[in-house]
Amino acid sequence: MNLSTEDQNEIFIAFYQKFHPSATEFIRNKFPSEFLDNSENVPGVKVDKDAAFRSKHGIEHRQQLNIELENIMQEHDLIQQDIELSIDNDLLLKEIDKWEQESMKKIQLAA
């Protein structure tokens, strides 16, 4: 499944914010030199709350998470295929067992 960069970014941000409610603070604390937040108390200066997602480290981190998300989705698809094959195999084995039992009964009746 190929997702557009925009879709990947939306998924990344939603995922990251869900599992890291204070994601922006976490990134700002981890990479303080990437932000101009030291100007928070300067009158007339607006602090960009989403700067964490545009920082160099944020972009690299997002790209890595996008790769991991793609790998997880591929793994999910493979596991789902394995489960479907397993179910099909179980049904086939049950049919074979049933056929075997019926054949044995027919042979016993004929003998």
C-alpha atoms as a PDB file:
ATOM      1  CA  MET A   1       0.000   0.000   0.000  1.00  0.00           C
ATOM      2  CA  ASN A   2       1.535   3.286  -1.089  1.00  0.00           C
ATOM      3  CA  LEU A   3       0.488   6.377   0.795  1.00  0.00           C
ATOM      4  CA  SER A   4       1.124   9.910  -0.349  1.00  0.00           C
ATOM      5  CA  THR A   5       3.586  11.940   1.674  1.00  0.00           C
ATOM      6  CA  GLU A   6       0.699  14.091   2.883  1.00  0.00           C
ATOM      7  CA  ASP A   7      -1.222  11.018   4.090  1.00  0.00           C
ATOM      8  CA  GLN A   8       1.900   9.636   5.754  1.00  0.00           C
ATOM      9  CA  ASN A   9       2.433  12.956   7.524  1.00  0.00           C
ATOM     10  CA  GLU A  10      -1.163  13.014   8.763  1.00  0.00           C
ATOM     11  CA  ILE A  11      -0.896   9.428  10.013  1.00  0.00           C
ATOM     12  CA  PHE A  12       2.438  10.168  11.652  1.00  0.00           C
ATOM     13  CA  ILE A  13       1.183  13.255  13.454  1.00  0.00           C
ATOM     14  CA  ALA A  14      -2.029  11.559  14.604  1.00  0.00           C
ATOM     15  CA  PHE A  15      -0.132   8.452  15.731  1.00  0.00           C
ATOM     16  CA  TYR A  16       2.580  10.438  17.485  1.00  0.00           C
ATOM     17  CA  GLN A  17       0.156  12.755  19.249  1.00  0.00           C
ATOM     18  CA  LYS A  18      -2.018   9.826  20.352  1.00  0.00           C
ATOM     19  CA  PHE A  19       0.845   7.905  21.898  1.00  0.00           C
ATOM     20  CA  HIS A  20       2.795  10.984  22.985  1.00  0.00           C
ATOM     21  CA  PRO A  21       0.203  13.544  24.111  1.00  0.00           C
ATOM     22  CA  SER A  22       2.947  16.025  24.846  1.00  0.00           C
ATOM     23  CA  ALA A  23       4.804  15.306  21.595  1.00  0.00           C
ATOM     24  CA  THR A  24       5.727  18.915  20.908  1.00  0.00           C
ATOM     25  CA  GLU A  25       7.126  19.404  24.401  1.00  0.00           C
ATOM     26  CA  PHE A  26       8.992  16.095  24.179  1.00  0.00           C
ATOM     27  CA  ILE A  27      10.677  17.090  20.921  1.00  0.00           C
ATOM     28  CA  ARG A  28      11.394  20.615  22.113  1.00  0.00           C
ATOM     29  CA  ASN A  29      13.046  19.267  25.254  1.00  0.00           C
ATOM     30  CA  LYS A  30      15.041  16.713  23.277  1.00  0.00           C
ATOM     31  CA  PHE A  31      16.221  19.163  20.591  1.00  0.00           C
ATOM     32  CA  PRO A  32      16.100  22.627  22.207  1.00  0.00           C
ATOM     33  CA  SER A  33      18.633  24.124  19.780  1.00  0.00           C
ATOM     34  CA  GLU A  34      16.249  23.500  16.875  1.00  0.00           C
ATOM     35  CA  PHE A  35      13.688  26.014  18.130  1.00  0.00           C
ATOM     36  CA  LEU A  36      13.508  29.716  18.800  1.00  0.00           C
ATOM     37  CA  ASP A  37      11.281  29.140  21.788  1.00  0.00           C
ATOM     38  CA  ASN A  38      13.587  31.150  23.991  1.00  0.00           C
ATOM     39  CA  SER A  39      11.664  34.136  22.575  1.00  0.00           C
ATOM     40  CA  GLU A  40       8.393  33.041  24.205  1.00  0.00           C
ATOM     41  CA  ASN A  41       8.435  35.989  26.584  1.00  0.00           C
ATOM     42  CA  VAL A  42       9.286  38.577  23.939  1.00  0.00           C
ATOM     43  CA  PRO A  43       6.235  40.770  23.197  1.00  0.00           C
ATOM     44  CA  GLY A  44       4.960  40.493  19.626  1.00  0.00           C
ATOM     45  CA  VAL A  45       6.828  37.249  18.878  1.00  0.00           C
ATOM     46  CA  LYS A  46       4.577  34.339  18.047  1.00  0.00           C
ATOM     47  CA  VAL A  47       5.850  30.898  19.043  1.00  0.00           C
ATOM     48  CA  ASP A  48       5.227  28.232  16.405  1.00  0.00           C
ATOM     49  CA  LYS A  49       3.651  25.290  18.267  1.00  0.00           C
ATOM     50  CA  ASP A  50       4.193  22.911  15.310  1.00  0.00           C
ATOM     51  CA  ALA A  51       7.864  23.742  14.782  1.00  0.00           C
ATOM     52  CA  ALA A  52       8.840  20.334  16.150  1.00  0.00           C
ATOM     53  CA  PHE A  53       7.390  18.637  13.108  1.00  0.00           C
ATOM     54  CA  ARG A  54       9.356  20.819  10.714  1.00  0.00           C
ATOM     55  CA  SER A  55      12.728  20.669  12.422  1.00  0.00           C
ATOM     56  CA  LYS A  56      15.468  18.691  10.736  1.00  0.00           C
ATOM     57  CA  HIS A  57      15.355  16.015  13.422  1.00  0.00           C
ATOM     58  CA  GLY A  58      11.570  15.957  13.358  1.00  0.00           C
ATOM     59  CA  ILE A  59      11.543  15.406   9.605  1.00  0.00           C
ATOM     60  CA  GLU A  60      14.158  12.639   9.832  1.00  0.00           C
ATOM     61  CA  HIS A  61      12.261  11.033  12.693  1.00  0.00           C
ATOM     62  CA  ARG A  62       8.996  11.253  10.767  1.00  0.00           C
ATOM     63  CA  GLN A  63      10.605   9.666   7.689  1.00  0.00           C
ATOM     64  CA  GLN A  64      11.929   6.803   9.809  1.00  0.00           C
ATOM     65  CA  LEU A  65       8.524   6.307  11.421  1.00  0.00           C
ATOM     66  CA  ASN A  66       6.895   6.353   7.980  1.00  0.00           C
ATOM     67  CA  ILE A  67       9.231   3.542   6.902  1.00  0.00           C
ATOM     68  CA  GLU A  68       8.420   1.614  10.070  1.00  0.00           C
ATOM     69  CA  LEU A  69       4.688   2.192   9.527  1.00  0.00           C
ATOM     70  CA  GLU A  70       4.983   0.882   5.956  1.00  0.00           C
ATOM     71  CA  ASN A  71       6.846  -2.197   7.270  1.00  0.00           C
ATOM     72  CA  ILE A  72       4.171  -2.793   9.906  1.00  0.00           C
ATOM     73  CA  MET A  73       1.414  -2.540   7.285  1.00  0.00           C
ATOM     74  CA  GLN A  74       3.263  -5.036   5.060  1.00  0.00           C
ATOM     75  CA  GLU A  75       3.757  -7.373   8.026  1.00  0.00           C
ATOM     76  CA  HIS A  76       0.052  -7.059   8.826  1.00  0.00           C
ATOM     77  CA  ASP A  77      -0.851  -8.021   5.262  1.00  0.00           C
ATOM     78  CA  LEU A  78       1.493 -11.044   5.377  1.00  0.00           C
ATOM     79  CA  ILE A  79       0.116 -12.198   8.725  1.00  0.00           C
ATOM     80  CA  GLN A  80      -3.425 -11.809   7.426  1.00  0.00           C
ATOM     81  CA  GLN A  81      -2.526 -13.925   4.379  1.00  0.00           C
ATOM     82  CA  ASP A  82      -0.966 -16.576   6.649  1.00  0.00           C
ATOM     83  CA  ILE A  83      -4.113 -16.681   8.770  1.00  0.00           C
ATOM     84  CA  GLU A  84      -6.310 -17.034   5.694  1.00  0.00           C
ATOM     85  CA  LEU A  85      -4.073 -19.844   4.371  1.00  0.00           C
ATOM     86  CA  SER A  86      -4.142 -21.534   7.760  1.00  0.00           C
ATOM     87  CA  ILE A  87      -7.939 -21.415   7.838  1.00  0.00           C
ATOM     88  CA  ASP A  88      -8.099 -22.791   4.285  1.00  0.00           C
ATOM     89  CA  ASN A  89      -5.643 -25.564   5.218  1.00  0.00           C
ATOM     90  CA  ASP A  90      -7.682 -26.487   8.290  1.00  0.00           C
ATOM     91  CA  LEU A  91     -10.843 -26.752   6.201  1.00  0.00           C
ATOM     92  CA  LEU A  92      -9.017 -28.870   3.640  1.00  0.00           C
ATOM     93  CA  LEU A  93      -7.651 -31.206   6.324  1.00  0.00           C
ATOM     94  CA  LYS A  94     -11.137 -31.597   7.795  1.00  0.00           C
ATOM     95  CA  GLU A  95     -12.516 -32.470   4.358  1.00  0.00           C
ATOM     96  CA  ILE A  96      -9.732 -35.038   3.857  1.00  0.00           C
ATOM     97  CA  ASP A  97     -10.418 -36.577   7.280  1.00  0.00           C
ATOM     98  CA  LYS A  98     -14.133 -36.760   6.499  1.00  0.00           C
ATOM     99  CA  TRP A  99     -13.456 -38.371   3.118  1.00  0.00           C
ATOM    100  CA  GLU A 100     -11.045 -40.845   4.752  1.00  0.00           C
ATOM    101  CA  GLN A 101     -13.608 -41.861   7.396  1.00  0.00           C
ATOM    102  CA  GLU A 102     -16.360 -42.278   4.795  1.00  0.00           C
ATOM    103  CA  SER A 103     -14.044 -44.299   2.553  1.00  0.00           C
ATOM    104  CA  MET A 104     -13.069 -46.594   5.440  1.00  0.00           C
ATOM    105  CA  LYS A 105     -16.756 -47.198   6.244  1.00  0.00           C
ATOM    106  CA  LYS A 106     -17.505 -48.024   2.595  1.00  0.00           C
ATOM    107  CA  ILE A 107     -14.535 -50.436   2.466  1.00  0.00           C
ATOM    108  CA  GLN A 108     -15.651 -52.148   5.697  1.00  0.00           C
ATOM    109  CA  LEU A 109     -19.192 -52.517   4.371  1.00  0.00           C
ATOM    110  CA  ALA A 110     -17.916 -53.960   1.103  1.00  0.00           C
ATOM    111  CA  ALA A 111     -15.645 -56.489   2.867  1.00  0.00           C
END
